[in-house]
Amino acid sequence: MSRSKARAQQIHFQTRSRQRAGFEIGKAGQDEIVRMIRGKAGPGRHATFLRRQSRRVTIWRVVYNQAELVVVYDSVRGTVVTVLPEEAIAS
């Protein structure tokens, strides 16, 4: 049985958050980050737009669990795709 693209992105995000941020961000955490990106997370919890990569993919900076993360967001599926290393957006 194959996974949906959204489910594959969720698993990939968990793996990359563990590798690059030092802790795993599960489904609830991913949902919270998506709410930050969409501007619905509540006062003081927001994301900063960095750039558009394509028509459906954007790059954002968020603070989650006291860590500043650079995340990739898929607007078609409404999911976060991966956590980027800080040096990936330094250029």
N, C-alpha and C. Protein backbone atom coordinates (compact mmCIF):
# COMPACT_ATOMS: atom_id res chain seq x y z
N MET A 1 0.84 -1.18 0.00
CA MET A 1 0.00 0.00 0.00
C MET A 1 0.89 1.25 0.00
N SER A 2 0.65 2.13 -0.92
CA SER A 2 1.48 3.32 -1.01
C SER A 2 0.94 4.43 -0.11
N ARG A 3 1.84 5.32 0.28
CA ARG A 3 1.47 6.45 1.11
C ARG A 3 1.01 7.61 0.24
N SER A 4 0.18 8.45 0.82
CA SER A 4 -0.18 9.67 0.12
C SER A 4 1.02 10.63 0.19
N LYS A 5 1.05 11.57 -0.71
CA LYS A 5 2.13 12.56 -0.72
C LYS A 5 2.14 13.35 0.59
N ALA A 6 0.96 13.73 1.09
CA ALA A 6 0.89 14.47 2.35
C ALA A 6 1.47 13.65 3.51
N ARG A 7 1.18 12.36 3.55
CA ARG A 7 1.70 11.50 4.62
C ARG A 7 3.21 11.35 4.48
N ALA A 8 3.69 11.20 3.27
CA ALA A 8 5.14 11.10 3.04
C ALA A 8 5.83 12.39 3.49
N GLN A 9 5.20 13.55 3.23
CA GLN A 9 5.77 14.82 3.67
C GLN A 9 5.80 14.91 5.20
N GLN A 10 4.77 14.41 5.84
CA GLN A 10 4.71 14.43 7.30
C GLN A 10 5.86 13.61 7.90
N ILE A 11 6.08 12.44 7.38
CA ILE A 11 7.16 11.57 7.85
C ILE A 11 8.52 12.21 7.58
N HIS A 12 8.69 12.78 6.39
CA HIS A 12 9.94 13.44 6.04
C HIS A 12 10.21 14.60 7.00
N PHE A 13 9.19 15.40 7.30
CA PHE A 13 9.34 16.52 8.21
C PHE A 13 9.79 16.05 9.59
N GLN A 14 9.19 14.97 10.10
CA GLN A 14 9.58 14.44 11.40
C GLN A 14 11.05 14.03 11.42
N THR A 15 11.48 13.37 10.35
CA THR A 15 12.87 12.92 10.26
C THR A 15 13.82 14.11 10.23
N ARG A 16 13.52 15.09 9.37
CA ARG A 16 14.40 16.25 9.24
C ARG A 16 14.41 17.12 10.49
N SER A 17 13.28 17.22 11.19
CA SER A 17 13.28 18.01 12.43
C SER A 17 14.17 17.35 13.48
N ARG A 18 14.16 16.03 13.51
CA ARG A 18 15.04 15.30 14.44
C ARG A 18 16.50 15.55 14.09
N GLN A 19 16.83 15.49 12.80
CA GLN A 19 18.21 15.66 12.36
C GLN A 19 18.70 17.10 12.51
N ARG A 20 17.87 18.06 12.12
CA ARG A 20 18.34 19.45 12.00
C ARG A 20 18.00 20.32 13.19
N ALA A 21 16.95 20.01 13.92
CA ALA A 21 16.58 20.83 15.07
C ALA A 21 16.93 20.14 16.39
N GLY A 22 17.16 18.83 16.32
CA GLY A 22 17.53 18.10 17.52
C GLY A 22 16.35 17.51 18.27
N PHE A 23 15.14 17.70 17.76
CA PHE A 23 13.96 17.09 18.38
C PHE A 23 12.94 16.81 17.28
N GLU A 24 12.11 15.81 17.52
CA GLU A 24 11.10 15.42 16.53
C GLU A 24 9.83 16.24 16.73
N ILE A 25 9.28 16.70 15.64
CA ILE A 25 8.02 17.44 15.68
C ILE A 25 6.95 16.54 15.08
N GLY A 26 6.03 16.10 15.91
CA GLY A 26 4.97 15.19 15.49
C GLY A 26 3.84 15.90 14.77
N LYS A 27 2.76 15.18 14.55
CA LYS A 27 1.62 15.71 13.80
C LYS A 27 1.03 16.95 14.46
N ALA A 28 0.86 16.95 15.78
CA ALA A 28 0.29 18.11 16.48
C ALA A 28 1.19 19.33 16.32
N GLY A 29 2.50 19.13 16.43
CA GLY A 29 3.45 20.22 16.24
C GLY A 29 3.43 20.75 14.82
N GLN A 30 3.33 19.84 13.86
CA GLN A 30 3.26 20.25 12.46
C GLN A 30 1.99 21.07 12.21
N ASP A 31 0.89 20.64 12.80
CA ASP A 31 -0.37 21.39 12.66
C ASP A 31 -0.23 22.79 13.25
N GLU A 32 0.46 22.91 14.38
CA GLU A 32 0.68 24.21 15.01
C GLU A 32 1.52 25.11 14.09
N ILE A 33 2.55 24.56 13.48
CA ILE A 33 3.39 25.35 12.57
C ILE A 33 2.58 25.80 11.36
N VAL A 34 1.72 24.94 10.84
CA VAL A 34 0.85 25.32 9.71
C VAL A 34 -0.07 26.45 10.14
N ARG A 35 -0.63 26.40 11.36
CA ARG A 35 -1.48 27.50 11.84
C ARG A 35 -0.69 28.79 11.93
N MET A 36 0.57 28.72 12.35
CA MET A 36 1.42 29.92 12.39
C MET A 36 1.58 30.50 10.99
N ILE A 37 1.85 29.65 10.02
CA ILE A 37 2.04 30.09 8.64
C ILE A 37 0.75 30.72 8.10
N ARG A 38 -0.36 30.13 8.42
CA ARG A 38 -1.66 30.64 7.94
C ARG A 38 -2.16 31.83 8.75
N GLY A 39 -1.44 32.19 9.81
CA GLY A 39 -1.81 33.34 10.63
C GLY A 39 -2.96 33.07 11.58
N LYS A 40 -3.16 31.81 11.97
CA LYS A 40 -4.28 31.46 12.84
C LYS A 40 -3.83 30.81 14.14
N ALA A 41 -2.61 31.08 14.57
CA ALA A 41 -2.08 30.41 15.75
C ALA A 41 -2.30 31.20 17.03
N GLY A 42 -2.79 32.41 16.93
CA GLY A 42 -3.03 33.21 18.12
C GLY A 42 -1.96 34.26 18.32
N PRO A 43 -2.18 35.13 19.29
CA PRO A 43 -1.26 36.25 19.52
C PRO A 43 0.16 35.80 19.84
N GLY A 44 1.11 36.45 19.23
CA GLY A 44 2.51 36.17 19.48
C GLY A 44 3.06 34.91 18.84
N ARG A 45 2.23 34.18 18.12
CA ARG A 45 2.66 32.95 17.46
C ARG A 45 2.45 33.12 15.98
N HIS A 46 3.52 33.44 15.28
CA HIS A 46 3.39 33.67 13.85
C HIS A 46 4.64 33.20 13.12
N ALA A 47 4.55 33.16 11.82
CA ALA A 47 5.68 32.77 10.97
C ALA A 47 6.08 33.98 10.13
N THR A 48 7.34 34.02 9.72
CA THR A 48 7.84 35.09 8.88
C THR A 48 8.12 34.54 7.50
N PHE A 49 7.48 35.12 6.49
CA PHE A 49 7.68 34.70 5.11
C PHE A 49 9.09 35.07 4.66
N LEU A 50 9.81 34.13 4.06
CA LEU A 50 11.15 34.39 3.55
C LEU A 50 11.17 34.51 2.03
N ARG A 51 10.59 33.51 1.35
CA ARG A 51 10.54 33.57 -0.11
C ARG A 51 9.65 32.48 -0.69
N ARG A 52 9.27 32.71 -1.94
CA ARG A 52 8.49 31.72 -2.68
C ARG A 52 9.47 30.91 -3.52
N GLN A 53 9.35 29.60 -3.45
CA GLN A 53 10.22 28.72 -4.22
C GLN A 53 9.55 28.33 -5.54
N SER A 54 8.24 28.15 -5.50
CA SER A 54 7.47 27.82 -6.70
C SER A 54 6.03 28.25 -6.46
N ARG A 55 5.16 27.90 -7.37
CA ARG A 55 3.76 28.28 -7.22
C ARG A 55 3.12 27.69 -5.96
N ARG A 56 3.53 26.49 -5.57
CA ARG A 56 2.93 25.84 -4.41
C ARG A 56 3.82 25.80 -3.18
N VAL A 57 5.10 26.10 -3.30
CA VAL A 57 6.05 25.93 -2.19
C VAL A 57 6.62 27.28 -1.75
N THR A 58 6.55 27.53 -0.42
CA THR A 58 7.11 28.74 0.16
C THR A 58 8.02 28.39 1.33
N ILE A 59 8.94 29.31 1.66
CA ILE A 59 9.91 29.11 2.74
C ILE A 59 9.55 30.10 3.86
N TRP A 60 9.52 29.60 5.09
CA TRP A 60 9.11 30.40 6.25
C TRP A 60 10.08 30.21 7.41
N ARG A 61 10.17 31.22 8.27
CA ARG A 61 10.91 31.12 9.53
C ARG A 61 9.88 31.10 10.66
N VAL A 62 9.97 30.10 11.54
CA VAL A 62 9.06 29.99 12.67
C VAL A 62 9.85 29.74 13.95
N VAL A 63 9.28 30.12 15.07
CA VAL A 63 9.85 29.77 16.37
C VAL A 63 8.92 28.73 16.97
N TYR A 64 9.47 27.55 17.19
CA TYR A 64 8.69 26.44 17.75
C TYR A 64 9.52 25.77 18.83
N ASN A 65 8.94 25.58 19.99
CA ASN A 65 9.63 24.91 21.10
C ASN A 65 10.94 25.63 21.43
N GLN A 66 10.90 26.95 21.38
CA GLN A 66 12.04 27.83 21.67
C GLN A 66 13.19 27.67 20.68
N ALA A 67 12.92 27.10 19.52
CA ALA A 67 13.94 26.95 18.48
C ALA A 67 13.48 27.68 17.23
N GLU A 68 14.39 28.41 16.61
CA GLU A 68 14.07 29.08 15.36
C GLU A 68 14.34 28.12 14.21
N LEU A 69 13.30 27.86 13.41
CA LEU A 69 13.39 26.89 12.32
C LEU A 69 13.06 27.55 10.99
N VAL A 70 13.68 27.05 9.93
CA VAL A 70 13.33 27.44 8.57
C VAL A 70 12.61 26.23 7.98
N VAL A 71 11.33 26.44 7.60
CA VAL A 71 10.52 25.33 7.11
C VAL A 71 10.01 25.61 5.70
N VAL A 72 9.75 24.53 4.99
CA VAL A 72 9.17 24.59 3.65
C VAL A 72 7.70 24.20 3.77
N TYR A 73 6.82 25.02 3.17
CA TYR A 73 5.38 24.81 3.26
C TYR A 73 4.79 24.54 1.88
N ASP A 74 3.97 23.51 1.79
CA ASP A 74 3.27 23.15 0.56
C ASP A 74 1.84 23.68 0.66
N SER A 75 1.53 24.74 -0.10
CA SER A 75 0.22 25.38 0.02
C SER A 75 -0.90 24.56 -0.60
N VAL A 76 -0.59 23.67 -1.53
CA VAL A 76 -1.62 22.84 -2.14
C VAL A 76 -2.13 21.81 -1.14
N ARG A 77 -1.21 21.15 -0.44
CA ARG A 77 -1.59 20.12 0.52
C ARG A 77 -1.79 20.67 1.93
N GLY A 78 -1.35 21.90 2.17
CA GLY A 78 -1.48 22.49 3.50
C GLY A 78 -0.60 21.82 4.52
N THR A 79 0.60 21.39 4.09
CA THR A 79 1.52 20.68 4.99
C THR A 79 2.89 21.33 4.97
N VAL A 80 3.63 21.14 6.07
CA VAL A 80 5.04 21.51 6.08
C VAL A 80 5.81 20.33 5.51
N VAL A 81 6.80 20.62 4.68
CA VAL A 81 7.49 19.57 3.93
C VAL A 81 8.79 19.15 4.61
N THR A 82 9.58 20.13 5.05
CA THR A 82 10.88 19.81 5.63
C THR A 82 11.38 20.97 6.49
N VAL A 83 12.38 20.70 7.27
CA VAL A 83 13.12 21.71 8.02
C VAL A 83 14.45 21.88 7.30
N LEU A 84 14.77 23.11 6.93
CA LEU A 84 16.02 23.37 6.22
C LEU A 84 17.11 23.76 7.21
N PRO A 85 18.36 23.43 6.90
CA PRO A 85 19.46 23.94 7.72
C PRO A 85 19.56 25.46 7.49
N GLU A 86 19.96 26.19 8.49
CA GLU A 86 20.04 27.64 8.41
C GLU A 86 20.88 28.11 7.23
N GLU A 87 21.97 27.43 6.95
CA GLU A 87 22.85 27.84 5.86
C GLU A 87 22.21 27.69 4.49
N ALA A 88 21.13 26.95 4.39
CA ALA A 88 20.45 26.77 3.10
C ALA A 88 19.77 28.05 2.63
N ILE A 89 19.46 28.97 3.53
CA ILE A 89 18.79 30.19 3.14
C ILE A 89 19.67 31.42 3.32
N ALA A 90 20.92 31.22 3.68
CA ALA A 90 21.83 32.34 3.93
C ALA A 90 22.18 33.11 2.66
N SER A 91 22.03 32.50 1.51
CA SER A 91 22.41 33.17 0.26
C SER A 91 21.41 34.20 -0.18
